[in-house]
Amino acid sequence: MLNEPTMEKLYEMRLSAMAEAWTAQQKDAAIGALSFDERMALLVEAEHMARDNRRLRRLLKDAELRIQTRAWKT
């Protein structure tokens, strides 16, 4: 099959989360019960979530938030 060239192209297009999700799908026997559309949706969701998480991580880092500890009176 054309798995290796496809994986290379996914990484080249910077779709690494999609490539990793596809690899995980290939190892899961139960995934074969899903339709093409369902599998594709899972791959797109994995890439979208990874990008969103990277964006949030970058924003939090750039915000340089400080955690302020304070002794509370009881």
PDB file of N, CA and C in Angstrom:
ATOM      1  N   MET A   1       0.825  -1.186   0.000  1.00  0.00           N
ATOM      2  CA  MET A   1       0.000   0.000   0.000  1.00  0.00           C
ATOM      3  C   MET A   1       0.875   1.257   0.000  1.00  0.00           C
ATOM      4  N   LEU A   2       0.275   2.396  -0.007  1.00  0.00           N
ATOM      5  CA  LEU A   2       1.002   3.660  -0.103  1.00  0.00           C
ATOM      6  C   LEU A   2       1.149   4.355   1.246  1.00  0.00           C
ATOM      7  N   ASN A   3       1.288   3.594   2.306  1.00  0.00           N
ATOM      8  CA  ASN A   3       1.337   4.193   3.640  1.00  0.00           C
ATOM      9  C   ASN A   3       2.557   5.077   3.858  1.00  0.00           C
ATOM     10  N   GLU A   4       3.713   4.603   3.500  1.00  0.00           N
ATOM     11  CA  GLU A   4       4.941   5.360   3.763  1.00  0.00           C
ATOM     12  C   GLU A   4       4.972   6.703   3.026  1.00  0.00           C
ATOM     13  N   PRO A   5       4.692   6.729   1.729  1.00  0.00           N
ATOM     14  CA  PRO A   5       4.665   8.046   1.056  1.00  0.00           C
ATOM     15  C   PRO A   5       3.595   8.979   1.626  1.00  0.00           C
ATOM     16  N   THR A   6       2.478   8.411   2.027  1.00  0.00           N
ATOM     17  CA  THR A   6       1.412   9.231   2.612  1.00  0.00           C
ATOM     18  C   THR A   6       1.865   9.826   3.936  1.00  0.00           C
ATOM     19  N   MET A   7       2.517   9.013   4.761  1.00  0.00           N
ATOM     20  CA  MET A   7       3.026   9.510   6.043  1.00  0.00           C
ATOM     21  C   MET A   7       4.040  10.626   5.826  1.00  0.00           C
ATOM     22  N   GLU A   8       4.934  10.437   4.871  1.00  0.00           N
ATOM     23  CA  GLU A   8       5.938  11.458   4.570  1.00  0.00           C
ATOM     24  C   GLU A   8       5.267  12.767   4.159  1.00  0.00           C
ATOM     25  N   LYS A   9       4.230  12.667   3.344  1.00  0.00           N
ATOM     26  CA  LYS A   9       3.532  13.867   2.878  1.00  0.00           C
ATOM     27  C   LYS A   9       2.804  14.560   4.024  1.00  0.00           C
ATOM     28  N   LEU A  10       2.205  13.779   4.928  1.00  0.00           N
ATOM     29  CA  LEU A  10       1.536  14.384   6.076  1.00  0.00           C
ATOM     30  C   LEU A  10       2.525  15.168   6.930  1.00  0.00           C
ATOM     31  N   TYR A  11       3.686  14.581   7.194  1.00  0.00           N
ATOM     32  CA  TYR A  11       4.697  15.289   7.983  1.00  0.00           C
ATOM     33  C   TYR A  11       5.245  16.501   7.219  1.00  0.00           C
ATOM     34  N   GLU A  12       5.405  16.355   5.923  1.00  0.00           N
ATOM     35  CA  GLU A  12       5.893  17.468   5.094  1.00  0.00           C
ATOM     36  C   GLU A  12       4.909  18.637   5.123  1.00  0.00           C
ATOM     37  N   MET A  13       3.615  18.326   5.175  1.00  0.00           N
ATOM     38  CA  MET A  13       2.584  19.366   5.221  1.00  0.00           C
ATOM     39  C   MET A  13       2.327  19.850   6.651  1.00  0.00           C
ATOM     40  N   ARG A  14       3.152  19.371   7.592  1.00  0.00           N
ATOM     41  CA  ARG A  14       3.049  19.737   9.003  1.00  0.00           C
ATOM     42  C   ARG A  14       1.709  19.303   9.599  1.00  0.00           C
ATOM     43  N   LEU A  15       1.299  18.094   9.253  1.00  0.00           N
ATOM     44  CA  LEU A  15       0.095  17.486   9.805  1.00  0.00           C
ATOM     45  C   LEU A  15       0.501  16.294  10.671  1.00  0.00           C
ATOM     46  N   SER A  16       1.407  16.532  11.597  1.00  0.00           N
ATOM     47  CA  SER A  16       1.976  15.438  12.390  1.00  0.00           C
ATOM     48  C   SER A  16       0.940  14.771  13.289  1.00  0.00           C
ATOM     49  N   ALA A  17       0.020  15.537  13.861  1.00  0.00           N
ATOM     50  CA  ALA A  17      -1.003  14.930  14.713  1.00  0.00           C
ATOM     51  C   ALA A  17      -1.905  14.018  13.898  1.00  0.00           C
ATOM     52  N   MET A  18      -2.204  14.418  12.679  1.00  0.00           N
ATOM     53  CA  MET A  18      -3.015  13.581  11.808  1.00  0.00           C
ATOM     54  C   MET A  18      -2.260  12.301  11.450  1.00  0.00           C
ATOM     55  N   ALA A  19      -0.974  12.410  11.185  1.00  0.00           N
ATOM     56  CA  ALA A  19      -0.160  11.242  10.868  1.00  0.00           C
ATOM     57  C   ALA A  19      -0.110  10.285  12.051  1.00  0.00           C
ATOM     58  N   GLU A  20       0.053  10.810  13.245  1.00  0.00           N
ATOM     59  CA  GLU A  20       0.103   9.967  14.439  1.00  0.00           C
ATOM     60  C   GLU A  20      -1.255   9.314  14.708  1.00  0.00           C
ATOM     61  N   ALA A  21      -2.342  10.054  14.483  1.00  0.00           N
ATOM     62  CA  ALA A  21      -3.675   9.490  14.664  1.00  0.00           C
ATOM     63  C   ALA A  21      -3.934   8.392  13.635  1.00  0.00           C
ATOM     64  N   TRP A  22      -3.451   8.580  12.429  1.00  0.00           N
ATOM     65  CA  TRP A  22      -3.623   7.572  11.383  1.00  0.00           C
ATOM     66  C   TRP A  22      -2.858   6.301  11.743  1.00  0.00           C
ATOM     67  N   THR A  23      -1.656   6.465  12.271  1.00  0.00           N
ATOM     68  CA  THR A  23      -0.866   5.313  12.716  1.00  0.00           C
ATOM     69  C   THR A  23      -1.610   4.572  13.825  1.00  0.00           C
ATOM     70  N   ALA A  24      -2.187   5.312  14.758  1.00  0.00           N
ATOM     71  CA  ALA A  24      -2.950   4.692  15.840  1.00  0.00           C
ATOM     72  C   ALA A  24      -4.182   3.971  15.300  1.00  0.00           C
ATOM     73  N   GLN A  25      -4.840   4.563  14.302  1.00  0.00           N
ATOM     74  CA  GLN A  25      -6.003   3.915  13.690  1.00  0.00           C
ATOM     75  C   GLN A  25      -5.625   2.595  13.029  1.00  0.00           C
ATOM     76  N   GLN A  26      -4.470   2.547  12.391  1.00  0.00           N
ATOM     77  CA  GLN A  26      -4.047   1.331  11.704  1.00  0.00           C
ATOM     78  C   GLN A  26      -3.799   0.191  12.686  1.00  0.00           C
ATOM     79  N   LYS A  27      -3.454   0.509  13.926  1.00  0.00           N
ATOM     80  CA  LYS A  27      -3.186  -0.506  14.943  1.00  0.00           C
ATOM     81  C   LYS A  27      -4.453  -0.981  15.641  1.00  0.00           C
ATOM     82  N   ASP A  28      -5.558  -0.269  15.461  1.00  0.00           N
ATOM     83  CA  ASP A  28      -6.814  -0.580  16.137  1.00  0.00           C
ATOM     84  C   ASP A  28      -7.729  -1.360  15.192  1.00  0.00           C
ATOM     85  N   ALA A  29      -7.984  -2.628  15.515  1.00  0.00           N
ATOM     86  CA  ALA A  29      -8.805  -3.479  14.655  1.00  0.00           C
ATOM     87  C   ALA A  29     -10.257  -2.991  14.605  1.00  0.00           C
ATOM     88  N   ALA A  30     -10.751  -2.416  15.686  1.00  0.00           N
ATOM     89  CA  ALA A  30     -12.146  -1.982  15.749  1.00  0.00           C
ATOM     90  C   ALA A  30     -12.421  -0.778  14.853  1.00  0.00           C
ATOM     91  N   ILE A  31     -11.393  -0.063  14.467  1.00  0.00           N
ATOM     92  CA  ILE A  31     -11.578   1.149  13.656  1.00  0.00           C
ATOM     93  C   ILE A  31     -12.117   0.813  12.258  1.00  0.00           C
ATOM     94  N   GLY A  32     -11.911  -0.426  11.830  1.00  0.00           N
ATOM     95  CA  GLY A  32     -12.404  -0.851  10.519  1.00  0.00           C
ATOM     96  C   GLY A  32     -13.912  -0.826  10.404  1.00  0.00           C
ATOM     97  N   ALA A  33     -14.604  -0.832  11.523  1.00  0.00           N
ATOM     98  CA  ALA A  33     -16.064  -0.792  11.510  1.00  0.00           C
ATOM     99  C   ALA A  33     -16.592   0.600  11.182  1.00  0.00           C
ATOM    100  N   LEU A  34     -15.738   1.598  11.287  1.00  0.00           N
ATOM    101  CA  LEU A  34     -16.157   2.971  10.997  1.00  0.00           C
ATOM    102  C   LEU A  34     -16.119   3.242   9.500  1.00  0.00           C
ATOM    103  N   SER A  35     -16.960   4.159   9.075  1.00  0.00           N
ATOM    104  CA  SER A  35     -16.955   4.558   7.671  1.00  0.00           C
ATOM    105  C   SER A  35     -15.764   5.463   7.385  1.00  0.00           C
ATOM    106  N   PHE A  36     -15.508   5.690   6.112  1.00  0.00           N
ATOM    107  CA  PHE A  36     -14.418   6.586   5.726  1.00  0.00           C
ATOM    108  C   PHE A  36     -14.623   7.969   6.333  1.00  0.00           C
ATOM    109  N   ASP A  37     -15.855   8.464   6.256  1.00  0.00           N
ATOM    110  CA  ASP A  37     -16.151   9.795   6.783  1.00  0.00           C
ATOM    111  C   ASP A  37     -15.884   9.884   8.282  1.00  0.00           C
ATOM    112  N   GLU A  38     -16.247   8.845   9.023  1.00  0.00           N
ATOM    113  CA  GLU A  38     -16.011   8.844  10.461  1.00  0.00           C
ATOM    114  C   GLU A  38     -14.522   8.815  10.783  1.00  0.00           C
ATOM    115  N   ARG A  39     -13.785   7.992  10.050  1.00  0.00           N
ATOM    116  CA  ARG A  39     -12.339   7.919  10.279  1.00  0.00           C
ATOM    117  C   ARG A  39     -11.670   9.240   9.920  1.00  0.00           C
ATOM    118  N   MET A  40     -12.086   9.821   8.813  1.00  0.00           N
ATOM    119  CA  MET A  40     -11.515  11.101   8.399  1.00  0.00           C
ATOM    120  C   MET A  40     -11.818  12.180   9.438  1.00  0.00           C
ATOM    121  N   ALA A  41     -13.032  12.160   9.974  1.00  0.00           N
ATOM    122  CA  ALA A  41     -13.404  13.134  10.999  1.00  0.00           C
ATOM    123  C   ALA A  41     -12.520  12.985  12.232  1.00  0.00           C
ATOM    124  N   LEU A  42     -12.201  11.753  12.616  1.00  0.00           N
ATOM    125  CA  LEU A  42     -11.323  11.524  13.760  1.00  0.00           C
ATOM    126  C   LEU A  42      -9.919  12.066  13.497  1.00  0.00           C
ATOM    127  N   LEU A  43      -9.427  11.890  12.280  1.00  0.00           N
ATOM    128  CA  LEU A  43      -8.094  12.395  11.930  1.00  0.00           C
ATOM    129  C   LEU A  43      -8.066  13.917  11.952  1.00  0.00           C
ATOM    130  N   VAL A  44      -9.080  14.527  11.379  1.00  0.00           N
ATOM    131  CA  VAL A  44      -9.151  15.993  11.353  1.00  0.00           C
ATOM    132  C   VAL A  44      -9.294  16.533  12.774  1.00  0.00           C
ATOM    133  N   GLU A  45     -10.097  15.875  13.594  1.00  0.00           N
ATOM    134  CA  GLU A  45     -10.269  16.300  14.983  1.00  0.00           C
ATOM    135  C   GLU A  45      -8.953  16.227  15.748  1.00  0.00           C
ATOM    136  N   ALA A  46      -8.178  15.172  15.525  1.00  0.00           N
ATOM    137  CA  ALA A  46      -6.880  15.036  16.201  1.00  0.00           C
ATOM    138  C   ALA A  46      -5.946  16.179  15.821  1.00  0.00           C
ATOM    139  N   GLU A  47      -5.900  16.516  14.542  1.00  0.00           N
ATOM    140  CA  GLU A  47      -5.033  17.612  14.089  1.00  0.00           C
ATOM    141  C   GLU A  47      -5.518  18.947  14.648  1.00  0.00           C
ATOM    142  N   HIS A  48      -6.816  19.161  14.611  1.00  0.00           N
ATOM    143  CA  HIS A  48      -7.386  20.417  15.112  1.00  0.00           C
ATOM    144  C   HIS A  48      -7.098  20.586  16.594  1.00  0.00           C
ATOM    145  N   MET A  49      -7.285  19.528  17.371  1.00  0.00           N
ATOM    146  CA  MET A  49      -7.047  19.595  18.810  1.00  0.00           C
ATOM    147  C   MET A  49      -5.568  19.837  19.114  1.00  0.00           C
ATOM    148  N   ALA A  50      -4.686  19.193  18.375  1.00  0.00           N
ATOM    149  CA  ALA A  50      -3.257  19.384  18.593  1.00  0.00           C
ATOM    150  C   ALA A  50      -2.849  20.829  18.298  1.00  0.00           C
ATOM    151  N   ARG A  51      -3.375  21.383  17.231  1.00  0.00           N
ATOM    152  CA  ARG A  51      -3.046  22.773  16.890  1.00  0.00           C
ATOM    153  C   ARG A  51      -3.604  23.743  17.927  1.00  0.00           C
ATOM    154  N   ASP A  52      -4.826  23.478  18.379  1.00  0.00           N
ATOM    155  CA  ASP A  52      -5.431  24.335  19.388  1.00  0.00           C
ATOM    156  C   ASP A  52      -4.639  24.266  20.693  1.00  0.00           C
ATOM    157  N   ASN A  53      -4.215  23.069  21.078  1.00  0.00           N
ATOM    158  CA  ASN A  53      -3.412  22.915  22.294  1.00  0.00           C
ATOM    159  C   ASN A  53      -2.069  23.626  22.177  1.00  0.00           C
ATOM    160  N   ARG A  54      -1.424  23.541  21.008  1.00  0.00           N
ATOM    161  CA  ARG A  54      -0.155  24.252  20.810  1.00  0.00           C
ATOM    162  C   ARG A  54      -0.354  25.759  20.901  1.00  0.00           C
ATOM    163  N   ARG A  55      -1.449  26.237  20.327  1.00  0.00           N
ATOM    164  CA  ARG A  55      -1.740  27.674  20.360  1.00  0.00           C
ATOM    165  C   ARG A  55      -1.967  28.129  21.798  1.00  0.00           C
ATOM    166  N   LEU A  56      -2.761  27.381  22.546  1.00  0.00           N
ATOM    167  CA  LEU A  56      -3.017  27.745  23.938  1.00  0.00           C
ATOM    168  C   LEU A  56      -1.756  27.685  24.781  1.00  0.00           C
ATOM    169  N   ARG A  57      -0.926  26.665  24.553  1.00  0.00           N
ATOM    170  CA  ARG A  57       0.338  26.558  25.279  1.00  0.00           C
ATOM    171  C   ARG A  57       1.224  27.766  25.008  1.00  0.00           C
ATOM    172  N   ARG A  58       1.281  28.180  23.731  1.00  0.00           N
ATOM    173  CA  ARG A  58       2.094  29.342  23.360  1.00  0.00           C
ATOM    174  C   ARG A  58       1.547  30.618  23.996  1.00  0.00           C
ATOM    175  N   LEU A  59       0.232  30.792  23.971  1.00  0.00           N
ATOM    176  CA  LEU A  59      -0.377  31.984  24.564  1.00  0.00           C
ATOM    177  C   LEU A  59      -0.129  32.047  26.067  1.00  0.00           C
ATOM    178  N   LEU A  60      -0.246  30.907  26.735  1.00  0.00           N
ATOM    179  CA  LEU A  60       0.019  30.888  28.177  1.00  0.00           C
ATOM    180  C   LEU A  60       1.473  31.207  28.478  1.00  0.00           C
ATOM    181  N   LYS A  61       2.361  30.687  27.670  1.00  0.00           N
ATOM    182  CA  LYS A  61       3.782  30.973  27.866  1.00  0.00           C
ATOM    183  C   LYS A  61       4.074  32.457  27.641  1.00  0.00           C
ATOM    184  N   ASP A  62       3.498  33.001  26.573  1.00  0.00           N
ATOM    185  CA  ASP A  62       3.719  34.411  26.257  1.00  0.00           C
ATOM    186  C   ASP A  62       3.091  35.343  27.299  1.00  0.00           C
ATOM    187  N   ALA A  63       2.038  34.888  27.957  1.00  0.00           N
ATOM    188  CA  ALA A  63       1.369  35.724  28.958  1.00  0.00           C
ATOM    189  C   ALA A  63       2.221  35.893  30.207  1.00  0.00           C
ATOM    190  N   GLU A  64       3.143  34.985  30.424  1.00  0.00           N
ATOM    191  CA  GLU A  64       4.023  35.040  31.599  1.00  0.00           C
ATOM    192  C   GLU A  64       3.227  35.265  32.882  1.00  0.00           C
ATOM    193  N   LEU A  65       2.190  34.459  33.047  1.00  0.00           N
ATOM    194  CA  LEU A  65       1.344  34.576  34.232  1.00  0.00           C
ATOM    195  C   LEU A  65       2.116  34.149  35.470  1.00  0.00           C
ATOM    196  N   ARG A  66       1.853  34.814  36.547  1.00  0.00           N
ATOM    197  CA  ARG A  66       2.495  34.485  37.811  1.00  0.00           C
ATOM    198  C   ARG A  66       1.425  33.974  38.761  1.00  0.00           C
ATOM    199  N   ILE A  67       1.764  32.939  39.468  1.00  0.00           N
ATOM    200  CA  ILE A  67       0.852  32.421  40.475  1.00  0.00           C
ATOM    201  C   ILE A  67       1.223  33.079  41.794  1.00  0.00           C
ATOM    202  N   GLN A  68       0.292  33.781  42.331  1.00  0.00           N
ATOM    203  CA  GLN A  68       0.544  34.507  43.566  1.00  0.00           C
ATOM    204  C   GLN A  68      -0.049  33.712  44.722  1.00  0.00           C
ATOM    205  N   THR A  69       0.800  33.374  45.661  1.00  0.00           N
ATOM    206  CA  THR A  69       0.324  32.651  46.832  1.00  0.00           C
ATOM    207  C   THR A  69       0.120  33.645  47.962  1.00  0.00           C
ATOM    208  N   ARG A  70      -0.945  33.430  48.666  1.00  0.00           N
ATOM    209  CA  ARG A  70      -1.300  34.350  49.735  1.00  0.00           C
ATOM    210  C   ARG A  70      -1.830  33.514  50.896  1.00  0.00           C
ATOM    211  N   ALA A  71      -1.435  33.864  52.078  1.00  0.00           N
ATOM    212  CA  ALA A  71      -1.950  33.165  53.251  1.00  0.00           C
ATOM    213  C   ALA A  71      -3.346  33.696  53.533  1.00  0.00           C
ATOM    214  N   TRP A  72      -4.314  32.816  53.512  1.00  0.00           N
ATOM    215  CA  TRP A  72      -5.689  33.210  53.763  1.00  0.00           C
ATOM    216  C   TRP A  72      -5.981  33.148  55.253  1.00  0.00           C
ATOM    217  N   LYS A  73      -6.701  34.118  55.720  1.00  0.00           N
ATOM    218  CA  LYS A  73      -7.102  34.137  57.130  1.00  0.00           C
ATOM    219  C   LYS A  73      -8.381  33.308  57.255  1.00  0.00           C
ATOM    220  N   THR A  74      -8.400  32.485  58.276  1.00  0.00           N
ATOM    221  CA  THR A  74      -9.602  31.674  58.496  1.00  0.00           C
ATOM    222  C   THR A  74     -10.372  32.115  59.700  1.00  0.00           C
TER     223      THR A  74
END
